[in-house]
N, C-alpha and C. Protein backbone atom coordinates (compact mmCIF):
# COMPACT_ATOMS: atom_id res chain seq x y z
N MET A 1 8.13 -0.87 14.37
CA MET A 1 8.20 -1.39 12.57
C MET A 1 9.71 -1.92 12.27
N GLU A 2 9.96 -3.35 12.64
CA GLU A 2 11.15 -3.27 11.87
C GLU A 2 11.54 -4.04 10.40
N ASN A 3 12.59 -2.95 9.44
CA ASN A 3 12.43 -3.88 7.48
C ASN A 3 13.07 -4.96 7.55
N PRO A 4 11.76 -6.21 7.16
CA PRO A 4 11.66 -7.49 6.68
C PRO A 4 12.44 -7.07 5.77
N CYS A 5 13.16 -6.47 4.65
CA CYS A 5 14.84 -6.65 3.88
C CYS A 5 15.63 -6.30 4.19
N LYS A 6 16.68 -7.70 4.11
CA LYS A 6 17.46 -7.85 4.84
C LYS A 6 18.82 -7.25 4.03
N ASN A 7 18.83 -6.94 2.82
CA ASN A 7 19.49 -6.53 1.16
C ASN A 7 18.96 -5.34 0.99
N ASN A 8 19.64 -4.10 2.27
CA ASN A 8 18.79 -2.85 1.75
C ASN A 8 19.76 -2.20 0.34
N LEU A 9 20.12 -2.86 -0.78
CA LEU A 9 20.52 -2.25 -1.96
C LEU A 9 19.48 -2.77 -2.76
N ARG A 10 18.60 -4.03 -2.50
CA ARG A 10 18.11 -4.63 -3.35
C ARG A 10 16.62 -5.51 -3.06
N CYS A 11 15.34 -5.33 -2.96
CA CYS A 11 15.17 -6.17 -2.47
C CYS A 11 13.85 -6.82 -3.54
N ASP A 12 14.48 -8.23 -3.57
CA ASP A 12 13.27 -8.88 -5.00
C ASP A 12 11.77 -8.53 -5.29
N ASN A 13 11.47 -7.96 -3.64
CA ASN A 13 9.67 -8.15 -4.00
C ASN A 13 10.25 -6.37 -3.57
N CYS A 14 10.41 -5.65 -3.97
CA CYS A 14 9.99 -4.09 -3.56
C CYS A 14 10.16 -3.41 -5.07
N SER A 15 9.81 -2.58 -5.36
CA SER A 15 9.99 -2.05 -6.16
C SER A 15 10.58 -0.53 -6.27
N SER A 16 11.37 -0.39 -6.79
CA SER A 16 12.57 0.98 -6.87
C SER A 16 11.71 2.14 -5.76
N HIS A 17 10.37 2.39 -6.58
CA HIS A 17 10.17 3.76 -5.42
C HIS A 17 9.48 3.37 -3.70
N PHE A 18 8.97 1.93 -3.75
CA PHE A 18 9.28 1.22 -2.42
C PHE A 18 10.64 1.21 -1.65
N MET A 19 11.23 1.04 -2.58
CA MET A 19 12.53 0.54 -1.45
C MET A 19 13.13 1.56 -1.82
N GLN A 20 13.10 2.24 -2.02
CA GLN A 20 13.60 4.17 -1.29
C GLN A 20 13.17 4.43 -0.25
N LEU A 21 11.40 3.91 -0.12
CA LEU A 21 10.62 4.56 1.25
C LEU A 21 11.17 3.81 1.89
N ARG A 22 10.85 2.24 2.32
CA ARG A 22 10.92 1.16 3.01
C ARG A 22 11.79 1.52 4.43
N PRO A 23 12.85 1.63 4.12
CA PRO A 23 13.73 1.97 5.32
C PRO A 23 13.35 2.79 5.94
N GLY A 24 12.89 3.86 5.53
CA GLY A 24 12.34 5.51 6.98
C GLY A 24 10.79 4.89 7.42
N ILE A 25 10.28 3.76 6.91
CA ILE A 25 8.79 3.61 7.61
C ILE A 25 9.22 3.15 8.28
N LYS A 26 8.50 3.44 10.31
CA LYS A 26 8.50 2.82 11.36
C LYS A 26 6.93 3.00 11.82
N ASP A 27 6.11 3.32 10.57
CA ASP A 27 4.73 3.02 11.70
C ASP A 27 3.12 2.67 9.80
N PHE A 28 2.34 2.27 10.37
CA PHE A 28 0.99 2.17 9.65
C PHE A 28 -0.23 3.35 9.81
N LYS A 29 -0.91 3.30 9.38
CA LYS A 29 -2.40 3.62 9.62
C LYS A 29 -3.02 2.96 8.73
N ILE A 30 -4.05 2.63 9.50
CA ILE A 30 -5.62 1.66 8.70
C ILE A 30 -6.83 2.24 8.08
N SER A 31 -6.84 3.34 7.72
CA SER A 31 -8.69 4.04 7.04
C SER A 31 -9.59 2.74 7.80
N LYS A 32 -10.84 3.89 8.14
CA LYS A 32 -11.94 3.53 7.95
C LYS A 32 -12.35 2.82 7.06
N HIS A 33 -12.56 3.27 5.80
CA HIS A 33 -12.69 2.75 4.10
C HIS A 33 -12.33 1.44 4.26
N PHE A 34 -10.51 1.73 4.99
CA PHE A 34 -10.19 0.29 4.22
C PHE A 34 -10.65 -1.11 5.11
N GLU A 35 -10.82 -0.68 6.61
CA GLU A 35 -11.41 -1.73 6.99
C GLU A 35 -13.19 -1.62 6.99
N ARG A 36 -14.14 -0.81 6.54
CA ARG A 36 -14.87 -1.04 6.06
C ARG A 36 -15.13 -2.13 4.34
N ASP A 37 -14.23 -1.97 3.47
CA ASP A 37 -13.89 -2.47 2.86
C ASP A 37 -13.53 -4.28 2.83
N LEU A 38 -13.00 -4.47 3.93
CA LEU A 38 -12.27 -5.76 4.10
C LEU A 38 -12.86 -6.39 5.54
N LYS A 39 -14.07 -6.35 5.94
CA LYS A 39 -14.46 -6.57 6.91
C LYS A 39 -13.99 -7.57 7.95
N ASN A 40 -13.27 -8.52 7.09
CA ASN A 40 -12.67 -9.81 7.66
C ASN A 40 -11.80 -9.60 8.10
N LYS A 41 -11.24 -9.24 10.08
CA LYS A 41 -10.26 -9.44 10.62
C LYS A 41 -8.86 -9.51 10.22
N ASP A 42 -8.92 -10.90 10.38
CA ASP A 42 -7.57 -11.76 9.76
C ASP A 42 -7.14 -11.44 8.21
N GLU A 43 -8.60 -11.36 7.96
CA GLU A 43 -7.92 -11.31 6.46
C GLU A 43 -7.10 -9.67 5.97
N ARG A 44 -7.87 -8.75 7.00
CA ARG A 44 -7.52 -7.61 6.51
C ARG A 44 -5.79 -7.78 7.56
N GLN A 45 -5.13 -8.59 8.72
CA GLN A 45 -4.53 -8.40 8.67
C GLN A 45 -3.41 -9.15 8.07
N GLN A 46 -3.62 -10.86 7.80
CA GLN A 46 -2.89 -11.40 6.49
C GLN A 46 -2.33 -9.86 5.27
N ILE A 47 -3.18 -8.90 4.86
CA ILE A 47 -3.00 -8.22 3.77
C ILE A 47 -1.81 -7.00 4.31
N VAL A 48 -2.00 -6.96 5.03
CA VAL A 48 -1.32 -5.28 6.11
C VAL A 48 0.20 -6.63 6.08
N GLU A 49 0.16 -7.84 6.87
CA GLU A 49 1.22 -8.31 6.52
C GLU A 49 2.44 -8.80 5.60
N LYS A 50 1.57 -9.05 4.67
CA LYS A 50 2.09 -9.17 3.34
C LYS A 50 2.29 -8.05 2.69
N ILE A 51 1.70 -6.67 2.94
CA ILE A 51 2.53 -5.53 2.08
C ILE A 51 3.88 -5.04 2.75
N LEU A 52 3.83 -5.29 4.17
CA LEU A 52 4.56 -4.79 5.35
C LEU A 52 5.62 -5.18 5.26
N SER A 53 5.77 -6.77 5.07
CA SER A 53 6.71 -7.65 4.86
C SER A 53 7.35 -7.71 3.95
N CYS A 54 7.25 -7.42 3.03
CA CYS A 54 6.77 -7.97 0.78
C CYS A 54 7.13 -9.65 0.91
N GLN A 55 6.58 -10.43 1.52
CA GLN A 55 6.21 -11.87 1.64
C GLN A 55 5.97 -12.38 0.14
N ALA A 56 6.60 -13.33 -0.57
CA ALA A 56 5.97 -13.89 -1.69
C ALA A 56 5.25 -13.83 -2.81
N LEU A 57 5.32 -13.02 -3.03
CA LEU A 57 4.81 -11.76 -4.22
C LEU A 57 5.81 -11.31 -4.72
N GLU A 58 5.48 -10.99 -6.52
CA GLU A 58 6.18 -10.57 -6.94
C GLU A 58 5.94 -8.73 -6.90
N HIS A 59 6.75 -8.48 -7.26
CA HIS A 59 6.63 -7.12 -6.70
C HIS A 59 6.16 -5.97 -7.97
N GLU A 60 5.67 -6.58 -9.09
CA GLU A 60 4.70 -5.89 -9.89
C GLU A 60 3.43 -5.96 -9.28
N GLN A 61 2.97 -7.21 -8.66
CA GLN A 61 1.56 -6.97 -7.97
C GLN A 61 1.54 -6.86 -6.42
N LEU A 62 2.77 -6.32 -5.68
CA LEU A 62 2.74 -5.66 -4.70
C LEU A 62 3.06 -4.14 -4.23
N HIS A 63 4.01 -3.38 -5.25
CA HIS A 63 4.30 -2.38 -5.05
C HIS A 63 3.99 -1.45 -6.32
N LYS A 64 3.25 -1.51 -6.52
CA LYS A 64 3.09 -0.53 -7.73
C LYS A 64 3.12 0.85 -7.69
N PHE A 65 4.26 1.39 -8.01
CA PHE A 65 3.86 2.94 -7.77
C PHE A 65 2.87 3.12 -8.62
N GLU A 66 2.06 4.05 -8.02
CA GLU A 66 1.05 5.09 -9.18
C GLU A 66 1.44 6.31 -9.34
N MET A 67 1.23 6.29 -8.34
CA MET A 67 1.51 8.52 -8.50
C MET A 67 2.25 9.08 -7.15
N ASN A 68 2.59 10.28 -6.92
CA ASN A 68 3.26 11.29 -5.89
C ASN A 68 2.11 12.85 -5.69
N ILE A 69 1.16 12.54 -5.37
CA ILE A 69 0.45 13.06 -4.63
C ILE A 69 0.71 14.39 -3.93
N LYS A 70 1.09 15.88 -3.74
CA LYS A 70 1.84 16.86 -2.64
C LYS A 70 2.50 16.09 -1.17
N GLY A 71 3.68 15.12 -2.32
CA GLY A 71 4.71 14.62 -1.45
C GLY A 71 3.91 13.15 -0.99
N ASN A 72 2.86 12.55 -1.46
CA ASN A 72 2.38 11.46 -0.71
C ASN A 72 2.36 10.39 -1.56
N LYS A 73 3.47 9.32 -1.73
CA LYS A 73 3.35 8.34 -2.86
C LYS A 73 2.10 7.60 -2.37
N ILE A 74 1.51 7.26 -3.80
CA ILE A 74 0.60 6.37 -3.86
C ILE A 74 0.62 4.77 -4.05
N PHE A 75 0.64 3.79 -3.86
CA PHE A 75 0.93 2.94 -4.38
C PHE A 75 -0.07 1.49 -4.53
N ARG A 76 -0.21 0.80 -5.01
CA ARG A 76 -1.38 -0.74 -5.24
C ARG A 76 -0.43 -1.66 -5.36
N ALA A 77 -1.51 -3.25 -4.87
CA ALA A 77 -0.95 -3.87 -4.44
C ALA A 77 -2.09 -4.75 -4.77
N LYS A 78 -1.63 -5.89 -5.62
CA LYS A 78 -3.29 -6.38 -5.88
C LYS A 78 -2.40 -8.04 -5.06
N ILE A 79 -3.86 -8.62 -4.26
CA ILE A 79 -4.10 -9.53 -3.57
C ILE A 79 -4.83 -10.62 -3.89
N ASN A 80 -5.23 -11.45 -4.53
CA ASN A 80 -5.89 -12.22 -4.28
C ASN A 80 -7.36 -11.57 -5.49
N GLY A 81 -6.82 -10.80 -6.55
CA GLY A 81 -8.09 -10.02 -7.17
C GLY A 81 -8.91 -8.96 -6.31
N VAL A 82 -7.61 -8.39 -5.59
CA VAL A 82 -7.83 -7.15 -4.42
C VAL A 82 -6.97 -6.30 -4.93
N HIS A 83 -7.60 -4.72 -5.06
CA HIS A 83 -6.37 -3.96 -5.21
C HIS A 83 -6.34 -2.85 -4.26
N ILE A 84 -5.42 -3.48 -3.30
CA ILE A 84 -5.13 -2.64 -1.89
C ILE A 84 -4.16 -1.12 -2.18
N VAL A 85 -4.82 -0.37 -2.09
CA VAL A 85 -4.56 1.32 -2.14
C VAL A 85 -3.98 1.33 -1.12
N TYR A 86 -2.55 2.14 -0.75
CA TYR A 86 -1.84 2.42 -0.04
C TYR A 86 -1.09 3.29 -0.41
N TYR A 87 -0.30 4.50 1.23
CA TYR A 87 0.28 5.02 0.42
C TYR A 87 1.40 6.04 1.62
N VAL A 88 2.61 6.24 1.41
CA VAL A 88 3.55 6.56 2.38
C VAL A 88 3.56 8.02 2.41
N THR A 89 3.11 8.71 3.48
CA THR A 89 2.77 9.74 3.44
C THR A 89 4.49 10.36 3.47
N LYS A 90 5.00 11.82 3.77
CA LYS A 90 6.04 12.65 3.75
C LYS A 90 6.93 12.30 5.08
N SER A 91 5.70 11.78 5.92
CA SER A 91 6.53 11.62 7.50
C SER A 91 6.76 10.18 7.66
N LYS A 92 6.72 9.29 6.36
CA LYS A 92 7.06 8.40 5.72
C LYS A 92 6.50 7.12 7.60
N GLU A 93 5.37 7.30 6.81
CA GLU A 93 3.86 6.62 7.96
C GLU A 93 3.43 5.68 6.63
N LEU A 94 2.98 4.63 6.76
CA LEU A 94 2.19 3.87 5.67
C LEU A 94 0.62 3.96 5.59
N VAL A 95 0.27 4.57 4.63
CA VAL A 95 -1.49 4.34 4.98
C VAL A 95 -2.09 3.48 4.08
N PHE A 96 -2.79 2.54 4.78
CA PHE A 96 -3.50 1.86 3.83
C PHE A 96 -5.50 2.59 3.84
N LEU A 97 -5.47 2.74 2.38
CA LEU A 97 -6.68 3.60 2.15
C LEU A 97 -7.80 2.38 1.50
N ARG A 98 -8.02 1.75 1.18
CA ARG A 98 -9.10 0.91 0.39
C ARG A 98 -8.50 -0.04 -0.40
N ALA A 99 -9.25 -0.76 -0.37
CA ALA A 99 -9.63 -2.18 -0.72
C ALA A 99 -10.36 -2.83 -1.99
N ILE A 100 -9.96 -2.65 -3.04
CA ILE A 100 -10.76 -2.66 -4.11
C ILE A 100 -11.41 -3.88 -5.27
N LYS A 101 -12.44 -4.61 -5.13
CA LYS A 101 -12.51 -5.52 -5.95
C LYS A 101 -12.31 -5.20 -7.28
N ASN A 102 -12.91 -4.64 -7.65
CA ASN A 102 -13.15 -4.21 -9.15
C ASN A 102 -12.77 -2.92 -9.62
N PHE A 103 -11.83 -3.04 -11.07
CA PHE A 103 -10.94 -2.74 -11.46
C PHE A 103 -11.24 -1.59 -11.81
N GLN A 104 -12.26 -1.09 -12.03
CA GLN A 104 -12.72 -0.28 -12.83
C GLN A 104 -13.37 0.58 -11.88
N GLU A 105 -13.38 0.16 -10.31
CA GLU A 105 -14.03 1.61 -9.22
C GLU A 105 -12.79 1.74 -9.37
N TYR A 106 -11.30 1.00 -8.98
CA TYR A 106 -9.98 1.15 -8.40
C TYR A 106 -9.80 2.42 -9.77
N GLU A 107 -9.66 2.27 -10.88
CA GLU A 107 -9.22 3.09 -11.38
C GLU A 107 -9.99 4.37 -11.83
N HIS A 108 -11.61 4.64 -10.76
CA HIS A 108 -12.01 5.73 -10.60
C HIS A 108 -11.90 5.91 -9.04
N PHE A 109 -11.40 5.55 -8.40
CA PHE A 109 -10.91 6.11 -7.21
C PHE A 109 -9.28 6.89 -7.56
N LEU A 110 -9.00 5.95 -8.74
CA LEU A 110 -6.98 6.52 -8.73
C LEU A 110 -7.89 7.72 -9.35
N ASN A 111 -8.08 8.32 -9.97
CA ASN A 111 -8.34 9.22 -10.99
C ASN A 111 -9.63 10.52 -10.20
N VAL A 112 -10.68 10.31 -9.68
CA VAL A 112 -11.32 10.90 -8.72
C VAL A 112 -11.23 11.05 -7.44
N GLU A 113 -11.27 10.35 -6.61
CA GLU A 113 -11.52 10.68 -5.37
C GLU A 113 -10.21 10.29 -4.23
N ILE A 114 -8.84 10.09 -4.96
CA ILE A 114 -8.32 10.09 -3.76
C ILE A 114 -7.17 11.12 -3.44
N GLU A 115 -7.90 11.93 -3.79
CA GLU A 115 -7.05 13.61 -3.47
C GLU A 115 -8.23 13.53 -1.91
N SER A 116 -9.03 13.14 -2.01
CA SER A 116 -9.53 13.83 -0.30
C SER A 116 -9.61 12.63 0.08
N PHE A 117 -9.57 11.58 -0.15
CA PHE A 117 -9.12 10.60 1.11
C PHE A 117 -7.42 10.54 1.91
N LEU A 118 -6.72 11.42 0.59
CA LEU A 118 -5.42 11.28 1.15
C LEU A 118 -5.72 12.90 3.26
N ASN A 119 -6.50 12.61 3.17
CA ASN A 119 -7.05 14.06 4.36
C ASN A 119 -8.01 13.22 5.01
N PHE A 120 -7.86 11.89 4.98
CA PHE A 120 -9.01 10.82 6.26
C PHE A 120 -8.35 11.29 8.18
């Protein structure tokens, strides 16, 4: 996976947390929950590409750092009203966890369920 950020010092669409991790990310995975949340394969692929390529979204909407759980950096993107939850592992792999349309469901996931998902 090639780093789309040509300027390694600062990318306008990357948060500082994500910018530190992005050069080392070489691969990504998609969880079964993410596939179930976004059943349309084309839509899922477009969202994955937007996040991986940092295209056309302000960094507040694309790579919002949420928390660090056992060395895994949890991020959220908001694309077309859908909250995309993903994380970067200690081994620099990006994993797409969930795509949640309801903000309250997203908050519940982040506060209650996320640790169980890190072991998918």
